[in-house]
Amino acid sequence: MAWIKVTGSAGTIVHISADQVVRVRQPASGEATHGSKALIDLSNGQTQSTQESVEEIMKLLSQSRG
C-alpha cells in the first residue's frame, strides 16, 4: 500500500493511503478553509483539504504508484 504526505490546511502533515483517494479537486467557493488549494475525496466519505495544489497531489499519487 502506497502513502502520500500532504499538508493540511492548518499546516499539519497528513498521510493518506493512495488506494483510498477517489478524486482530487479544487474547492468550490466557500467549501474549504483558508489556505486550502485542493480537496482530496476519500473512499470512506471523508474529505481532506490541503495546501498543495491539485497538480502537486496528482504528481505525488503518480509517483506513489510507481
Protein backbone atom coordinates (compact mmCIF):
# COMPACT_ATOMS: atom_id res chain seq x y z
CA MET A 1 0.00 0.00 0.00
CA ALA A 2 1.44 3.37 -1.04
CA TRP A 3 1.06 6.52 1.02
CA ILE A 4 1.38 10.19 0.16
CA LYS A 5 2.25 13.01 2.55
CA VAL A 6 0.37 16.30 2.23
CA THR A 7 -0.01 19.43 4.31
CA GLY A 8 -3.44 20.03 5.81
CA SER A 9 -4.97 23.50 5.76
CA ALA A 10 -3.85 24.08 9.37
CA GLY A 11 -0.25 23.25 8.46
CA THR A 12 -0.20 19.75 9.90
CA ILE A 13 1.31 16.82 8.00
CA VAL A 14 -1.27 14.26 6.85
CA HIS A 15 -0.50 10.80 5.46
CA ILE A 16 -3.07 9.43 3.02
CA SER A 17 -3.27 5.98 1.50
CA ALA A 18 -3.15 6.42 -2.26
CA ASP A 19 -5.58 3.49 -2.58
CA GLN A 20 -8.23 5.47 -0.67
CA VAL A 21 -8.18 8.51 -2.98
CA VAL A 22 -11.38 8.77 -5.02
CA ARG A 23 -10.76 12.19 -6.54
CA VAL A 24 -8.69 15.33 -6.20
CA ARG A 25 -10.35 18.65 -6.92
CA GLN A 26 -10.21 22.39 -6.40
CA PRO A 27 -12.51 23.64 -3.64
CA ALA A 28 -15.72 25.38 -4.64
CA SER A 29 -16.29 28.87 -3.32
CA GLY A 30 -16.77 28.70 0.46
CA GLU A 31 -16.13 24.96 0.61
CA ALA A 32 -12.64 24.89 2.10
CA THR A 33 -10.80 26.60 4.90
CA HIS A 34 -8.34 29.44 4.39
CA GLY A 35 -5.18 28.39 2.60
CA SER A 36 -6.63 25.25 1.02
CA LYS A 37 -5.67 24.79 -2.60
CA ALA A 38 -7.16 21.33 -3.14
CA LEU A 39 -9.54 18.78 -1.65
CA ILE A 40 -8.95 15.04 -1.63
CA ASP A 41 -12.12 12.94 -1.50
CA LEU A 42 -11.55 9.56 0.14
CA SER A 43 -13.38 6.25 -0.25
CA ASN A 44 -14.55 6.38 3.39
CA GLY A 45 -16.56 9.53 2.63
CA GLN A 46 -14.13 11.96 4.26
CA THR A 47 -12.52 14.92 2.54
CA GLN A 48 -9.05 16.27 3.29
CA SER A 49 -8.18 19.87 2.46
CA THR A 50 -4.55 20.53 1.55
CA GLN A 51 -2.11 23.36 0.99
CA GLU A 52 -0.79 21.51 -2.08
CA SER A 53 -2.36 22.19 -5.46
CA VAL A 54 -4.31 19.62 -7.47
CA GLU A 55 -1.32 19.27 -9.80
CA GLU A 56 1.08 18.64 -6.89
CA ILE A 57 -1.19 15.97 -5.42
CA MET A 58 -1.63 14.25 -8.77
CA LYS A 59 2.17 14.14 -9.11
CA LEU A 60 2.50 12.60 -5.63
CA LEU A 61 -0.12 9.99 -6.48
CA SER A 62 1.60 9.16 -9.76
CA GLN A 63 4.95 8.75 -8.00
CA SER A 64 3.45 6.58 -5.27
CA ARG A 65 2.03 4.13 -7.79
CA GLY A 66 5.41 3.73 -9.44
